[in-house]
């Protein structure tokens, strides 16, 4: 029995050191050298101050900004509370919340009472932290933002185009607009 236990214990120790220590250090070292920005959270800085991550949504309010997708994560966009509401498609609470968001979105963006509202404008994602909105969502918000900022619709649409990201690998998903990048471009366009 000792012939079996001793090698088993040694194997546990060796594998713990290799897979619990050496491997994570090598992966961390390679990622810091090869992908430093991404490995550290893809933080976005303005004038040396970190203003957010391009990978995690954050709240923007007021007519001068594009609004992100709603969030169910904690008090909103709390990465420590990431998660969906887990309400089913027939849940009365979900239906009521979405109905209220649809009405508020139409009113805020000057849309007709029967105008189609993009689903990402009124529903949270599974993580509650999506940094992007659909191009259709951005297009519907553009007139409100242009008016509030004193810009032409064409200027704002140009910034939407600059902030539009292509699908992963060119085929996975759809084009989407990074809200943080877009709102920072808006701030730059109206600064001064």
C-alpha atoms as a PDB file:
ATOM      1  CA  UNK A   1       0.000   0.000   0.000  1.00  0.00           C
ATOM      2  CA  UNK A   2       2.879   2.361   0.756  1.00  0.00           C
ATOM      3  CA  UNK A   3       4.162   1.813  -2.811  1.00  0.00           C
ATOM      4  CA  UNK A   4       0.889   3.294  -4.071  1.00  0.00           C
ATOM      5  CA  UNK A   5       0.339   6.125  -1.569  1.00  0.00           C
ATOM      6  CA  UNK A   6       3.809   7.708  -1.794  1.00  0.00           C
ATOM      7  CA  UNK A   7       3.758   8.128  -5.610  1.00  0.00           C
ATOM      8  CA  UNK A   8       0.182   9.436  -5.393  1.00  0.00           C
ATOM      9  CA  UNK A   9       1.152  12.061  -2.813  1.00  0.00           C
ATOM     10  CA  UNK A  10       4.217  13.074  -4.837  1.00  0.00           C
ATOM     11  CA  UNK A  11       2.116  13.359  -7.988  1.00  0.00           C
ATOM     12  CA  UNK A  12      -0.395  15.610  -6.181  1.00  0.00           C
ATOM     13  CA  UNK A  13       2.455  17.845  -4.979  1.00  0.00           C
ATOM     14  CA  UNK A  14       4.123  18.014  -8.409  1.00  0.00           C
ATOM     15  CA  UNK A  15       0.848  18.705 -10.251  1.00  0.00           C
ATOM     16  CA  UNK A  16      -0.162  21.328  -7.668  1.00  0.00           C
ATOM     17  CA  UNK A  17       3.133  23.163  -8.146  1.00  0.00           C
ATOM     18  CA  UNK A  18       2.980  22.869 -11.949  1.00  0.00           C
ATOM     19  CA  UNK A  19      -0.703  23.592 -12.534  1.00  0.00           C
ATOM     20  CA  UNK A  20      -1.366  25.748  -9.503  1.00  0.00           C
ATOM     21  CA  UNK A  21       1.797  27.819  -9.612  1.00  0.00           C
ATOM     22  CA  UNK A  22       4.034  27.555 -12.655  1.00  0.00           C
ATOM     23  CA  UNK A  23       1.310  27.434 -15.334  1.00  0.00           C
ATOM     24  CA  UNK A  24      -0.655  30.473 -14.022  1.00  0.00           C
ATOM     25  CA  UNK A  25       2.581  32.478 -13.718  1.00  0.00           C
ATOM     26  CA  UNK A  26       3.595  31.618 -17.299  1.00  0.00           C
ATOM     27  CA  UNK A  27       0.141  32.486 -18.673  1.00  0.00           C
ATOM     28  CA  UNK A  28       0.065  35.736 -16.691  1.00  0.00           C
ATOM     29  CA  UNK A  29       3.552  36.655 -17.881  1.00  0.00           C
ATOM     30  CA  UNK A  30       2.768  35.947 -21.529  1.00  0.00           C
ATOM     31  CA  UNK A  31      -0.520  37.884 -21.369  1.00  0.00           C
ATOM     32  CA  UNK A  32       1.182  40.876 -19.717  1.00  0.00           C
ATOM     33  CA  UNK A  33       3.840  40.982 -22.415  1.00  0.00           C
ATOM     34  CA  UNK A  34       1.736  40.158 -25.470  1.00  0.00           C
ATOM     35  CA  UNK A  35      -1.689  41.602 -24.515  1.00  0.00           C
ATOM     36  CA  UNK A  36      -1.032  44.096 -21.734  1.00  0.00           C
ATOM     37  CA  UNK A  37      -4.086  46.307 -22.285  1.00  0.00           C
ATOM     38  CA  UNK A  38      -6.505  43.436 -22.626  1.00  0.00           C
ATOM     39  CA  UNK A  39      -4.973  41.475 -19.756  1.00  0.00           C
ATOM     40  CA  UNK A  40      -5.526  44.456 -17.478  1.00  0.00           C
ATOM     41  CA  UNK A  41      -9.200  44.968 -18.312  1.00  0.00           C
ATOM     42  CA  UNK A  42      -9.096  47.035 -21.513  1.00  0.00           C
ATOM     43  CA  UNK A  43      -9.267  50.216 -19.459  1.00  0.00           C
ATOM     44  CA  UNK A  44      -9.999  53.469 -21.281  1.00  0.00           C
ATOM     45  CA  UNK A  45      -8.200  56.614 -20.134  1.00  0.00           C
ATOM     46  CA  UNK A  46      -8.920  60.253 -20.846  1.00  0.00           C
ATOM     47  CA  UNK A  47      -6.162  62.706 -19.969  1.00  0.00           C
ATOM     48  CA  UNK A  48      -4.508  60.082 -17.770  1.00  0.00           C
ATOM     49  CA  UNK A  49      -7.680  59.266 -15.824  1.00  0.00           C
ATOM     50  CA  UNK A  50      -9.350  55.893 -16.220  1.00  0.00           C
ATOM     51  CA  UNK A  51     -12.982  56.421 -17.182  1.00  0.00           C
ATOM     52  CA  UNK A  52     -14.073  52.832 -17.705  1.00  0.00           C
ATOM     53  CA  UNK A  53     -13.463  49.597 -19.542  1.00  0.00           C
ATOM     54  CA  UNK A  54     -14.320  49.017 -23.164  1.00  0.00           C
ATOM     55  CA  UNK A  55     -15.492  45.531 -22.109  1.00  0.00           C
ATOM     56  CA  UNK A  56     -17.952  46.457 -19.346  1.00  0.00           C
ATOM     57  CA  UNK A  57     -21.004  48.652 -19.776  1.00  0.00           C
ATOM     58  CA  UNK A  58     -21.634  51.599 -17.531  1.00  0.00           C
ATOM     59  CA  UNK A  59     -24.514  53.930 -16.901  1.00  0.00           C
ATOM     60  CA  UNK A  60     -24.970  57.084 -18.940  1.00  0.00           C
ATOM     61  CA  UNK A  61     -27.964  59.320 -18.346  1.00  0.00           C
ATOM     62  CA  UNK A  62     -29.297  62.551 -19.730  1.00  0.00           C
ATOM     63  CA  UNK A  63     -30.123  63.564 -23.259  1.00  0.00           C
ATOM     64  CA  UNK A  64     -26.518  64.439 -24.155  1.00  0.00           C
ATOM     65  CA  UNK A  65     -25.381  60.813 -24.034  1.00  0.00           C
ATOM     66  CA  UNK A  66     -26.242  57.575 -25.765  1.00  0.00           C
ATOM     67  CA  UNK A  67     -27.821  55.198 -23.299  1.00  0.00           C
ATOM     68  CA  UNK A  68     -26.522  51.672 -22.851  1.00  0.00           C
ATOM     69  CA  UNK A  69     -28.517  48.512 -22.608  1.00  0.00           C
ATOM     70  CA  UNK A  70     -30.412  48.190 -19.288  1.00  0.00           C
ATOM     71  CA  UNK A  71     -28.602  46.265 -16.563  1.00  0.00           C
ATOM     72  CA  UNK A  72     -29.812  43.875 -13.878  1.00  0.00           C
ATOM     73  CA  UNK A  73     -26.352  43.685 -12.313  1.00  0.00           C
ATOM     74  CA  UNK A  74     -26.628  45.043  -8.789  1.00  0.00           C
ATOM     75  CA  UNK A  75     -27.398  48.751  -8.804  1.00  0.00           C
ATOM     76  CA  UNK A  76     -26.545  48.742 -12.505  1.00  0.00           C
ATOM     77  CA  UNK A  77     -23.381  47.657 -14.253  1.00  0.00           C
ATOM     78  CA  UNK A  78     -21.893  46.244 -11.046  1.00  0.00           C
ATOM     79  CA  UNK A  79     -19.405  43.605 -12.222  1.00  0.00           C
ATOM     80  CA  UNK A  80     -19.498  41.957  -8.807  1.00  0.00           C
ATOM     81  CA  UNK A  81     -23.229  41.328  -9.251  1.00  0.00           C
ATOM     82  CA  UNK A  82     -23.169  40.291 -12.883  1.00  0.00           C
ATOM     83  CA  UNK A  83     -26.106  38.190 -13.893  1.00  0.00           C
ATOM     84  CA  UNK A  84     -29.485  38.073 -15.506  1.00  0.00           C
ATOM     85  CA  UNK A  85     -32.835  38.614 -13.840  1.00  0.00           C
ATOM     86  CA  UNK A  86     -33.690  34.972 -14.596  1.00  0.00           C
ATOM     87  CA  UNK A  87     -37.278  35.980 -15.245  1.00  0.00           C
ATOM     88  CA  UNK A  88     -39.063  33.894 -17.853  1.00  0.00           C
ATOM     89  CA  UNK A  89     -40.543  35.403 -21.018  1.00  0.00           C
ATOM     90  CA  UNK A  90     -44.068  35.237 -19.554  1.00  0.00           C
ATOM     91  CA  UNK A  91     -43.150  36.630 -16.133  1.00  0.00           C
ATOM     92  CA  UNK A  92     -45.417  39.571 -15.251  1.00  0.00           C
ATOM     93  CA  UNK A  93     -42.584  41.531 -13.640  1.00  0.00           C
ATOM     94  CA  UNK A  94     -40.417  41.238 -16.751  1.00  0.00           C
ATOM     95  CA  UNK A  95     -43.290  42.131 -19.083  1.00  0.00           C
ATOM     96  CA  UNK A  96     -44.189  45.138 -16.950  1.00  0.00           C
ATOM     97  CA  UNK A  97     -40.551  46.309 -16.780  1.00  0.00           C
ATOM     98  CA  UNK A  98     -40.090  45.976 -20.544  1.00  0.00           C
ATOM     99  CA  UNK A  99     -43.397  47.742 -21.251  1.00  0.00           C
ATOM    100  CA  UNK A 100     -42.334  50.648 -19.037  1.00  0.00           C
ATOM    101  CA  UNK A 101     -38.919  50.819 -20.704  1.00  0.00           C
ATOM    102  CA  UNK A 102     -40.485  50.799 -24.179  1.00  0.00           C
ATOM    103  CA  UNK A 103     -42.773  53.716 -23.300  1.00  0.00           C
ATOM    104  CA  UNK A 104     -39.929  55.687 -21.681  1.00  0.00           C
ATOM    105  CA  UNK A 105     -37.604  55.028 -24.645  1.00  0.00           C
ATOM    106  CA  UNK A 106     -40.209  56.168 -27.183  1.00  0.00           C
ATOM    107  CA  UNK A 107     -40.961  59.315 -25.185  1.00  0.00           C
ATOM    108  CA  UNK A 108     -37.304  60.224 -24.588  1.00  0.00           C
ATOM    109  CA  UNK A 109     -36.378  59.738 -28.232  1.00  0.00           C
ATOM    110  CA  UNK A 110     -39.471  61.417 -29.708  1.00  0.00           C
ATOM    111  CA  UNK A 111     -40.783  58.248 -31.332  1.00  0.00           C
ATOM    112  CA  UNK A 112     -44.376  57.501 -32.282  1.00  0.00           C
ATOM    113  CA  UNK A 113     -46.418  55.403 -29.860  1.00  0.00           C
ATOM    114  CA  UNK A 114     -46.295  52.470 -32.280  1.00  0.00           C
ATOM    115  CA  UNK A 115     -42.630  52.824 -33.311  1.00  0.00           C
ATOM    116  CA  UNK A 116     -40.557  49.643 -33.141  1.00  0.00           C
ATOM    117  CA  UNK A 117     -38.002  49.723 -30.326  1.00  0.00           C
ATOM    118  CA  UNK A 118     -34.867  47.563 -30.564  1.00  0.00           C
ATOM    119  CA  UNK A 119     -34.902  44.744 -28.049  1.00  0.00           C
ATOM    120  CA  UNK A 120     -31.498  45.726 -26.663  1.00  0.00           C
ATOM    121  CA  UNK A 121     -32.904  49.128 -25.676  1.00  0.00           C
ATOM    122  CA  UNK A 122     -35.396  47.614 -23.243  1.00  0.00           C
ATOM    123  CA  UNK A 123     -33.985  44.267 -22.066  1.00  0.00           C
ATOM    124  CA  UNK A 124     -30.873  43.420 -20.091  1.00  0.00           C
ATOM    125  CA  UNK A 125     -28.371  40.878 -21.325  1.00  0.00           C
ATOM    126  CA  UNK A 126     -27.444  37.689 -19.488  1.00  0.00           C
ATOM    127  CA  UNK A 127     -24.478  39.385 -17.825  1.00  0.00           C
ATOM    128  CA  UNK A 128     -26.073  42.804 -17.416  1.00  0.00           C
ATOM    129  CA  UNK A 129     -22.719  44.309 -18.414  1.00  0.00           C
ATOM    130  CA  UNK A 130     -22.839  44.607 -22.210  1.00  0.00           C
ATOM    131  CA  UNK A 131     -20.766  47.581 -23.394  1.00  0.00           C
ATOM    132  CA  UNK A 132     -22.449  47.681 -26.817  1.00  0.00           C
ATOM    133  CA  UNK A 133     -25.829  48.540 -28.238  1.00  0.00           C
ATOM    134  CA  UNK A 134     -27.205  47.668 -31.653  1.00  0.00           C
ATOM    135  CA  UNK A 135     -26.713  50.049 -34.557  1.00  0.00           C
ATOM    136  CA  UNK A 136     -30.517  50.378 -34.765  1.00  0.00           C
ATOM    137  CA  UNK A 137     -30.608  51.465 -31.108  1.00  0.00           C
ATOM    138  CA  UNK A 138     -27.874  54.056 -31.717  1.00  0.00           C
ATOM    139  CA  UNK A 139     -29.629  55.337 -34.851  1.00  0.00           C
ATOM    140  CA  UNK A 140     -32.852  55.950 -32.904  1.00  0.00           C
ATOM    141  CA  UNK A 141     -31.000  57.801 -30.133  1.00  0.00           C
ATOM    142  CA  UNK A 142     -28.904  59.924 -32.524  1.00  0.00           C
ATOM    143  CA  UNK A 143     -31.479  62.708 -33.130  1.00  0.00           C
ATOM    144  CA  UNK A 144     -32.011  63.204 -29.372  1.00  0.00           C
ATOM    145  CA  UNK A 145     -28.281  63.389 -28.708  1.00  0.00           C
ATOM    146  CA  UNK A 146     -27.620  65.666 -31.691  1.00  0.00           C
ATOM    147  CA  UNK A 147     -30.285  68.114 -30.536  1.00  0.00           C
ATOM    148  CA  UNK A 148     -29.069  68.079 -26.922  1.00  0.00           C
ATOM    149  CA  UNK A 149     -25.437  68.590 -27.961  1.00  0.00           C
ATOM    150  CA  UNK A 150     -26.103  71.211 -30.617  1.00  0.00           C
ATOM    151  CA  UNK A 151     -24.586  69.011 -33.323  1.00  0.00           C
ATOM    152  CA  UNK A 152     -25.998  68.054 -36.688  1.00  0.00           C
ATOM    153  CA  UNK A 153     -27.497  64.618 -37.092  1.00  0.00           C
ATOM    154  CA  UNK A 154     -24.809  63.861 -39.693  1.00  0.00           C
ATOM    155  CA  UNK A 155     -22.033  64.676 -37.183  1.00  0.00           C
ATOM    156  CA  UNK A 156     -23.531  62.352 -34.596  1.00  0.00           C
ATOM    157  CA  UNK A 157     -24.132  59.575 -37.141  1.00  0.00           C
ATOM    158  CA  UNK A 158     -20.503  59.867 -38.209  1.00  0.00           C
ATOM    159  CA  UNK A 159     -19.438  59.270 -34.594  1.00  0.00           C
ATOM    160  CA  UNK A 160     -21.791  56.283 -34.398  1.00  0.00           C
ATOM    161  CA  UNK A 161     -20.083  54.851 -37.483  1.00  0.00           C
ATOM    162  CA  UNK A 162     -16.634  55.387 -35.908  1.00  0.00           C
ATOM    163  CA  UNK A 163     -17.776  53.544 -32.763  1.00  0.00           C
ATOM    164  CA  UNK A 164     -19.331  50.621 -34.617  1.00  0.00           C
ATOM    165  CA  UNK A 165     -17.516  47.326 -34.108  1.00  0.00           C
ATOM    166  CA  UNK A 166     -17.597  44.511 -36.635  1.00  0.00           C
ATOM    167  CA  UNK A 167     -18.714  40.996 -35.684  1.00  0.00           C
ATOM    168  CA  UNK A 168     -16.083  38.747 -34.108  1.00  0.00           C
ATOM    169  CA  UNK A 169     -14.038  36.993 -36.780  1.00  0.00           C
ATOM    170  CA  UNK A 170     -16.176  38.862 -39.293  1.00  0.00           C
ATOM    171  CA  UNK A 171     -19.078  36.431 -38.948  1.00  0.00           C
ATOM    172  CA  UNK A 172     -19.987  35.903 -35.274  1.00  0.00           C
ATOM    173  CA  UNK A 173     -22.772  38.216 -34.159  1.00  0.00           C
ATOM    174  CA  UNK A 174     -23.781  41.543 -35.591  1.00  0.00           C
ATOM    175  CA  UNK A 175     -22.287  44.992 -35.807  1.00  0.00           C
ATOM    176  CA  UNK A 176     -22.569  46.807 -32.488  1.00  0.00           C
ATOM    177  CA  UNK A 177     -21.780  50.267 -31.135  1.00  0.00           C
ATOM    178  CA  UNK A 178     -19.509  50.610 -28.082  1.00  0.00           C
ATOM    179  CA  UNK A 179     -21.369  53.135 -25.909  1.00  0.00           C
ATOM    180  CA  UNK A 180     -18.336  54.275 -23.893  1.00  0.00           C
ATOM    181  CA  UNK A 181     -16.275  54.971 -27.008  1.00  0.00           C
ATOM    182  CA  UNK A 182     -19.184  56.765 -28.663  1.00  0.00           C
ATOM    183  CA  UNK A 183     -19.893  58.985 -25.661  1.00  0.00           C
ATOM    184  CA  UNK A 184     -16.205  59.856 -25.315  1.00  0.00           C
ATOM    185  CA  UNK A 185     -16.146  60.853 -28.995  1.00  0.00           C
ATOM    186  CA  UNK A 186     -19.197  63.032 -28.350  1.00  0.00           C
ATOM    187  CA  UNK A 187     -17.412  64.714 -25.443  1.00  0.00           C
ATOM    188  CA  UNK A 188     -14.402  65.390 -27.682  1.00  0.00           C
ATOM    189  CA  UNK A 189     -16.608  66.756 -30.471  1.00  0.00           C
ATOM    190  CA  UNK A 190     -18.315  69.264 -28.177  1.00  0.00           C
ATOM    191  CA  UNK A 191     -15.318  70.193 -25.999  1.00  0.00           C
ATOM    192  CA  UNK A 192     -13.968  73.680 -26.328  1.00  0.00           C
END
